[in-house]
């Protein structure tokens, strides 16, 4: 049984983020789809909250709500904002990621926010990704 589109999309995006030299400079390999205990900041958490079908009579596809959470404990929000910008550069309007039996039609950031929570900065980016069966 093949993986669903959201699983394939998540694996491709996380691999791209972990493989990027700038993200590595900021976060090392700390890009997750869950948060391991005692994780050192900064780090990125990737999360798909919803996947909705948009099938037609000729095509099958899904629209995915992808949240990227950046956490940083450095004073000031500059580094967290730099990480958020690099995530944008790697995911927004980039469709070249290889999925097994789906195609990434588009991926666009639709919103972003930066919050301060105590001594931590929390950047949130919401991306809308559309996939269809290959």
N, C-alpha and C. Protein backbone atom coordinates (compact mmCIF):
# COMPACT_ATOMS: atom_id res chain seq x y z
N UNK A 1 0.84 -1.17 0.00
CA UNK A 1 0.00 0.00 0.00
C UNK A 1 0.89 1.24 0.00
N UNK A 2 0.59 2.19 -0.85
CA UNK A 2 1.39 3.40 -0.95
C UNK A 2 1.00 4.40 0.13
N UNK A 3 1.92 5.32 0.42
CA UNK A 3 1.66 6.38 1.38
C UNK A 3 0.71 7.39 0.78
N UNK A 4 -0.08 8.02 1.63
CA UNK A 4 -0.97 9.06 1.10
C UNK A 4 -0.16 10.30 0.76
N UNK A 5 -0.79 11.22 0.07
CA UNK A 5 -0.11 12.41 -0.44
C UNK A 5 0.47 13.26 0.69
N UNK A 6 -0.25 13.38 1.81
CA UNK A 6 0.25 14.23 2.89
C UNK A 6 1.53 13.65 3.50
N UNK A 7 1.60 12.36 3.62
CA UNK A 7 2.82 11.71 4.14
C UNK A 7 3.99 11.93 3.19
N UNK A 8 3.74 11.77 1.89
CA UNK A 8 4.79 11.99 0.90
C UNK A 8 5.25 13.45 0.90
N UNK A 9 4.31 14.36 0.99
CA UNK A 9 4.62 15.79 1.01
C UNK A 9 5.46 16.13 2.23
N UNK A 10 5.06 15.63 3.40
CA UNK A 10 5.78 15.90 4.63
C UNK A 10 7.22 15.39 4.52
N UNK A 11 7.42 14.18 4.05
CA UNK A 11 8.77 13.61 3.94
C UNK A 11 9.63 14.43 2.98
N UNK A 12 9.06 14.86 1.86
CA UNK A 12 9.82 15.66 0.89
C UNK A 12 10.20 17.02 1.46
N UNK A 13 9.25 17.67 2.12
CA UNK A 13 9.54 18.99 2.68
C UNK A 13 10.56 18.90 3.81
N UNK A 14 10.41 17.95 4.71
CA UNK A 14 11.36 17.81 5.82
C UNK A 14 12.75 17.51 5.29
N UNK A 15 12.85 16.64 4.30
CA UNK A 15 14.16 16.34 3.70
C UNK A 15 14.78 17.59 3.09
N UNK A 16 13.98 18.41 2.43
CA UNK A 16 14.49 19.65 1.83
C UNK A 16 14.96 20.62 2.90
N UNK A 17 14.20 20.76 3.96
CA UNK A 17 14.59 21.66 5.04
C UNK A 17 15.87 21.18 5.73
N UNK A 18 15.92 19.88 6.04
CA UNK A 18 17.11 19.33 6.69
C UNK A 18 18.34 19.39 5.79
N UNK A 19 18.15 19.32 4.49
CA UNK A 19 19.26 19.31 3.55
C UNK A 19 19.76 20.68 3.15
N UNK A 20 19.08 21.73 3.58
CA UNK A 20 19.47 23.08 3.18
C UNK A 20 20.60 23.60 4.08
N UNK A 21 21.70 24.08 3.48
CA UNK A 21 22.83 24.56 4.27
C UNK A 21 22.48 25.70 5.23
N UNK A 22 21.60 26.62 4.83
CA UNK A 22 21.24 27.73 5.72
C UNK A 22 20.41 27.24 6.91
N UNK A 23 19.47 26.35 6.65
CA UNK A 23 18.69 25.78 7.76
C UNK A 23 19.62 25.01 8.69
N UNK A 24 20.58 24.28 8.13
CA UNK A 24 21.53 23.52 8.95
C UNK A 24 22.35 24.46 9.83
N UNK A 25 22.73 25.62 9.29
CA UNK A 25 23.48 26.60 10.08
C UNK A 25 22.67 27.06 11.28
N UNK A 26 21.37 27.27 11.07
CA UNK A 26 20.51 27.72 12.17
C UNK A 26 20.13 26.58 13.10
N UNK A 27 19.65 25.48 12.53
CA UNK A 27 18.98 24.44 13.31
C UNK A 27 19.68 23.09 13.32
N UNK A 28 20.72 22.92 12.54
CA UNK A 28 21.29 21.59 12.38
C UNK A 28 20.26 20.70 11.69
N UNK A 29 20.04 19.52 12.22
CA UNK A 29 19.04 18.60 11.68
C UNK A 29 17.73 18.65 12.48
N UNK A 30 17.54 19.68 13.29
CA UNK A 30 16.37 19.76 14.17
C UNK A 30 15.14 20.27 13.43
N UNK A 31 14.67 19.45 12.50
CA UNK A 31 13.43 19.68 11.76
C UNK A 31 12.60 18.42 11.96
N UNK A 32 11.45 18.55 12.59
CA UNK A 32 10.68 17.38 13.04
C UNK A 32 9.22 17.46 12.61
N UNK A 33 8.56 16.30 12.67
CA UNK A 33 7.11 16.27 12.56
C UNK A 33 6.49 16.01 13.93
N UNK A 34 7.30 16.00 14.94
CA UNK A 34 6.91 15.89 16.35
C UNK A 34 8.04 16.54 17.13
N UNK A 35 7.88 16.74 18.41
CA UNK A 35 8.92 17.39 19.18
C UNK A 35 9.54 16.41 20.17
N UNK A 36 10.78 15.99 19.93
CA UNK A 36 11.47 15.14 20.90
C UNK A 36 11.70 15.89 22.22
N UNK A 37 11.73 15.15 23.29
CA UNK A 37 11.97 15.77 24.60
C UNK A 37 13.35 16.43 24.64
N UNK A 38 13.44 17.50 25.38
CA UNK A 38 14.70 18.20 25.63
C UNK A 38 15.38 18.68 24.35
N UNK A 39 14.60 19.08 23.36
CA UNK A 39 15.16 19.58 22.11
C UNK A 39 15.75 20.98 22.32
N UNK A 40 16.95 21.17 21.81
CA UNK A 40 17.65 22.45 21.90
C UNK A 40 17.10 23.38 20.82
N UNK A 41 16.88 24.64 21.18
CA UNK A 41 16.41 25.63 20.21
C UNK A 41 17.60 26.25 19.49
N UNK A 42 17.44 26.71 18.27
CA UNK A 42 16.19 26.76 17.51
C UNK A 42 15.90 25.42 16.84
N UNK A 43 14.61 25.22 16.55
CA UNK A 43 14.17 24.04 15.82
C UNK A 43 12.91 24.36 15.04
N UNK A 44 12.57 23.45 14.13
CA UNK A 44 11.39 23.60 13.27
C UNK A 44 10.51 22.38 13.47
N UNK A 45 9.21 22.62 13.59
CA UNK A 45 8.24 21.53 13.64
C UNK A 45 7.31 21.69 12.45
N UNK A 46 7.19 20.62 11.67
CA UNK A 46 6.36 20.58 10.45
C UNK A 46 5.09 19.82 10.79
N UNK A 47 3.95 20.38 10.40
CA UNK A 47 2.68 19.75 10.78
C UNK A 47 1.62 20.00 9.70
N UNK A 48 1.02 18.92 9.21
CA UNK A 48 -0.12 19.05 8.30
C UNK A 48 -1.38 18.83 9.12
N UNK A 49 -2.22 19.85 9.17
CA UNK A 49 -3.42 19.76 10.01
C UNK A 49 -4.62 19.20 9.26
N UNK A 50 -4.76 19.56 7.99
CA UNK A 50 -5.93 19.14 7.22
C UNK A 50 -5.51 18.76 5.82
N UNK A 51 -6.17 17.76 5.28
CA UNK A 51 -6.03 17.42 3.86
C UNK A 51 -7.44 17.20 3.34
N UNK A 52 -7.84 18.02 2.38
CA UNK A 52 -9.19 17.95 1.84
C UNK A 52 -9.16 17.55 0.37
N UNK A 53 -9.99 16.62 0.02
CA UNK A 53 -10.05 16.15 -1.36
C UNK A 53 -10.72 17.19 -2.25
N UNK A 54 -10.24 17.26 -3.48
CA UNK A 54 -10.87 18.12 -4.48
C UNK A 54 -11.08 17.35 -5.79
N UNK A 55 -11.36 16.06 -5.67
CA UNK A 55 -11.50 15.19 -6.84
C UNK A 55 -12.53 15.74 -7.84
N UNK A 56 -12.21 15.50 -9.11
CA UNK A 56 -13.15 15.79 -10.19
C UNK A 56 -13.44 14.47 -10.89
N UNK A 57 -14.18 14.53 -11.98
CA UNK A 57 -14.46 13.29 -12.71
C UNK A 57 -13.24 12.77 -13.44
N UNK A 58 -12.22 13.61 -13.63
CA UNK A 58 -11.02 13.18 -14.36
C UNK A 58 -9.75 13.18 -13.53
N UNK A 59 -9.73 13.86 -12.40
CA UNK A 59 -8.52 13.96 -11.59
C UNK A 59 -8.83 13.78 -10.11
N UNK A 60 -7.83 13.25 -9.38
CA UNK A 60 -7.94 13.11 -7.93
C UNK A 60 -6.82 13.92 -7.29
N UNK A 61 -7.18 14.69 -6.29
CA UNK A 61 -6.17 15.50 -5.62
C UNK A 61 -6.60 15.92 -4.24
N UNK A 62 -5.65 16.58 -3.55
CA UNK A 62 -5.91 17.05 -2.19
C UNK A 62 -5.29 18.43 -1.98
N UNK A 63 -5.89 19.17 -1.09
CA UNK A 63 -5.36 20.45 -0.64
C UNK A 63 -4.96 20.26 0.82
N UNK A 64 -3.73 20.63 1.16
CA UNK A 64 -3.17 20.38 2.49
C UNK A 64 -2.87 21.70 3.20
N UNK A 65 -3.22 21.78 4.47
CA UNK A 65 -2.84 22.91 5.31
C UNK A 65 -1.57 22.51 6.05
N UNK A 66 -0.46 23.15 5.69
CA UNK A 66 0.85 22.81 6.24
C UNK A 66 1.29 23.94 7.17
N UNK A 67 1.53 23.60 8.42
CA UNK A 67 2.03 24.58 9.38
C UNK A 67 3.50 24.33 9.67
N UNK A 68 4.26 25.39 9.64
CA UNK A 68 5.67 25.36 9.99
C UNK A 68 5.83 26.19 11.26
N UNK A 69 6.31 25.56 12.31
CA UNK A 69 6.54 26.25 13.58
C UNK A 69 8.04 26.36 13.80
N UNK A 70 8.51 27.58 14.03
CA UNK A 70 9.91 27.83 14.34
C UNK A 70 9.97 28.30 15.79
N UNK A 71 10.81 27.65 16.57
CA UNK A 71 11.00 28.02 17.97
C UNK A 71 12.44 28.45 18.18
N UNK A 72 12.62 29.57 18.88
CA UNK A 72 13.97 30.06 19.15
C UNK A 72 13.98 30.74 20.50
N UNK A 73 15.07 30.55 21.24
CA UNK A 73 15.19 31.17 22.56
C UNK A 73 16.22 32.29 22.59
N UNK A 74 16.70 32.70 21.43
CA UNK A 74 17.68 33.79 21.37
C UNK A 74 16.98 35.11 21.64
N UNK A 75 17.67 36.01 22.31
CA UNK A 75 17.07 37.32 22.58
C UNK A 75 16.79 38.04 21.27
N UNK A 76 15.62 38.57 21.17
CA UNK A 76 15.19 39.22 19.93
C UNK A 76 14.69 38.18 18.94
N UNK A 77 13.91 38.63 18.00
CA UNK A 77 13.27 37.71 17.05
C UNK A 77 14.02 37.59 15.73
N UNK A 78 15.18 38.23 15.60
CA UNK A 78 15.87 38.28 14.31
C UNK A 78 16.16 36.89 13.75
N UNK A 79 16.77 36.01 14.55
CA UNK A 79 17.11 34.68 14.04
C UNK A 79 15.87 33.89 13.68
N UNK A 80 14.83 33.95 14.50
CA UNK A 80 13.58 33.24 14.18
C UNK A 80 13.00 33.75 12.87
N UNK A 81 13.06 35.05 12.64
CA UNK A 81 12.57 35.63 11.38
C UNK A 81 13.42 35.19 10.19
N UNK A 82 14.72 35.08 10.39
CA UNK A 82 15.60 34.60 9.32
C UNK A 82 15.28 33.15 8.97
N UNK A 83 15.02 32.34 9.96
CA UNK A 83 14.65 30.94 9.72
C UNK A 83 13.33 30.88 8.97
N UNK A 84 12.36 31.69 9.41
CA UNK A 84 11.06 31.72 8.73
C UNK A 84 11.22 32.15 7.27
N UNK A 85 12.08 33.11 7.01
CA UNK A 85 12.29 33.57 5.63
C UNK A 85 12.91 32.45 4.80
N UNK A 86 13.85 31.72 5.37
CA UNK A 86 14.48 30.63 4.60
C UNK A 86 13.47 29.52 4.33
N UNK A 87 12.61 29.22 5.28
CA UNK A 87 11.55 28.23 5.05
C UNK A 87 10.67 28.70 3.90
N UNK A 88 10.31 29.97 3.90
CA UNK A 88 9.53 30.55 2.80
C UNK A 88 10.24 30.35 1.47
N UNK A 89 11.53 30.67 1.43
CA UNK A 89 12.30 30.53 0.19
C UNK A 89 12.30 29.09 -0.32
N UNK A 90 12.33 28.14 0.59
CA UNK A 90 12.41 26.73 0.20
C UNK A 90 11.06 26.11 -0.17
N UNK A 91 9.96 26.65 0.36
CA UNK A 91 8.66 26.01 0.14
C UNK A 91 7.70 26.80 -0.74
N UNK A 92 7.73 28.12 -0.68
CA UNK A 92 6.76 28.95 -1.40
C UNK A 92 7.01 28.89 -2.90
N UNK A 93 5.99 28.49 -3.63
CA UNK A 93 6.03 28.38 -5.09
C UNK A 93 7.08 27.40 -5.62
N UNK A 94 7.52 26.47 -4.78
CA UNK A 94 8.47 25.44 -5.22
C UNK A 94 7.70 24.13 -5.36
N UNK A 95 7.70 23.58 -6.57
CA UNK A 95 6.95 22.34 -6.82
C UNK A 95 7.86 21.21 -7.30
N UNK A 96 9.16 21.38 -7.18
CA UNK A 96 10.10 20.40 -7.72
C UNK A 96 10.36 19.22 -6.79
N UNK A 97 9.73 19.19 -5.62
CA UNK A 97 9.96 18.09 -4.70
C UNK A 97 9.35 16.81 -5.24
N UNK A 98 10.11 15.74 -5.13
CA UNK A 98 9.70 14.46 -5.69
C UNK A 98 8.81 13.70 -4.71
N UNK A 99 7.61 13.38 -5.16
CA UNK A 99 6.68 12.55 -4.40
C UNK A 99 6.55 11.22 -5.12
N UNK A 100 6.23 10.17 -4.41
CA UNK A 100 6.24 8.83 -4.99
C UNK A 100 5.20 8.65 -6.09
N UNK A 101 3.94 8.84 -5.76
CA UNK A 101 2.89 8.64 -6.76
C UNK A 101 1.88 9.79 -6.78
N UNK A 102 2.38 10.96 -6.38
CA UNK A 102 1.59 12.19 -6.44
C UNK A 102 2.47 13.28 -7.03
N UNK A 103 1.86 14.37 -7.41
CA UNK A 103 2.56 15.52 -7.95
C UNK A 103 2.19 16.73 -7.09
N UNK A 104 3.21 17.51 -6.72
CA UNK A 104 2.96 18.75 -6.00
C UNK A 104 2.63 19.83 -7.03
N UNK A 105 1.37 20.25 -7.06
CA UNK A 105 0.90 21.22 -8.05
C UNK A 105 1.32 22.62 -7.66
N UNK A 106 1.12 22.99 -6.40
CA UNK A 106 1.60 24.27 -5.90
C UNK A 106 1.70 24.25 -4.40
N UNK A 107 2.45 25.19 -3.88
CA UNK A 107 2.62 25.35 -2.44
C UNK A 107 2.85 26.84 -2.19
N UNK A 108 1.95 27.46 -1.46
CA UNK A 108 2.05 28.91 -1.23
C UNK A 108 1.82 29.22 0.24
N UNK A 109 2.65 30.12 0.76
CA UNK A 109 2.40 30.57 2.12
C UNK A 109 1.21 31.52 2.09
N UNK A 110 0.26 31.29 2.98
CA UNK A 110 -0.93 32.13 3.03
C UNK A 110 -0.96 33.03 4.25
N UNK A 111 -0.15 32.70 5.28
CA UNK A 111 -0.07 33.59 6.44
C UNK A 111 1.19 33.27 7.24
N UNK A 112 1.56 34.24 8.07
CA UNK A 112 2.68 34.04 8.97
C UNK A 112 2.46 34.90 10.21
N UNK A 113 3.05 34.48 11.29
CA UNK A 113 2.95 35.22 12.55
C UNK A 113 4.21 34.98 13.36
N UNK A 114 4.54 35.94 14.21
CA UNK A 114 5.65 35.79 15.14
C UNK A 114 5.12 36.18 16.51
N UNK A 115 5.25 35.27 17.45
CA UNK A 115 4.76 35.50 18.80
C UNK A 115 5.91 35.38 19.78
N UNK A 116 5.82 36.13 20.85
CA UNK A 116 6.78 35.97 21.94
C UNK A 116 6.07 35.25 23.06
N UNK A 117 6.68 34.16 23.50
CA UNK A 117 6.12 33.38 24.60
C UNK A 117 7.19 33.25 25.68
N UNK A 118 7.11 34.13 26.67
CA UNK A 118 8.16 34.19 27.69
C UNK A 118 9.46 34.61 27.04
N UNK A 119 10.49 33.81 27.18
CA UNK A 119 11.80 34.09 26.59
C UNK A 119 11.97 33.43 25.23
N UNK A 120 10.90 32.91 24.66
CA UNK A 120 10.96 32.18 23.40
C UNK A 120 10.20 32.93 22.31
N UNK A 121 10.69 32.80 21.08
CA UNK A 121 9.99 33.33 19.92
C UNK A 121 9.43 32.17 19.13
N UNK A 122 8.18 32.31 18.72
CA UNK A 122 7.46 31.26 18.02
C UNK A 122 6.97 31.83 16.69
N UNK A 123 7.61 31.39 15.60
CA UNK A 123 7.17 31.78 14.28
C UNK A 123 6.25 30.72 13.71
N UNK A 124 5.16 31.15 13.09
CA UNK A 124 4.18 30.22 12.52
C UNK A 124 3.93 30.61 11.08
N UNK A 125 4.16 29.67 10.18
CA UNK A 125 3.86 29.88 8.77
C UNK A 125 2.82 28.87 8.33
N UNK A 126 1.77 29.33 7.67
CA UNK A 126 0.75 28.45 7.12
C UNK A 126 0.91 28.43 5.61
N UNK A 127 1.10 27.23 5.08
CA UNK A 127 1.22 27.04 3.62
C UNK A 127 0.03 26.23 3.13
N UNK A 128 -0.41 26.52 1.94
CA UNK A 128 -1.46 25.75 1.26
C UNK A 128 -0.77 24.99 0.13
N UNK A 129 -0.79 23.66 0.23
CA UNK A 129 -0.15 22.82 -0.78
C UNK A 129 -1.23 22.00 -1.48
N UNK A 130 -1.14 21.92 -2.80
CA UNK A 130 -2.08 21.14 -3.59
C UNK A 130 -1.33 20.01 -4.29
N UNK A 131 -1.84 18.80 -4.12
CA UNK A 131 -1.25 17.64 -4.78
C UNK A 131 -2.32 16.96 -5.63
N UNK A 132 -1.85 16.20 -6.61
CA UNK A 132 -2.76 15.36 -7.37
C UNK A 132 -2.07 14.05 -7.67
N UNK A 133 -2.85 13.02 -7.96
CA UNK A 133 -2.27 11.72 -8.25
C UNK A 133 -1.48 11.80 -9.55
N UNK A 134 -0.36 11.09 -9.57
CA UNK A 134 0.50 11.09 -10.77
C UNK A 134 -0.11 10.23 -11.85
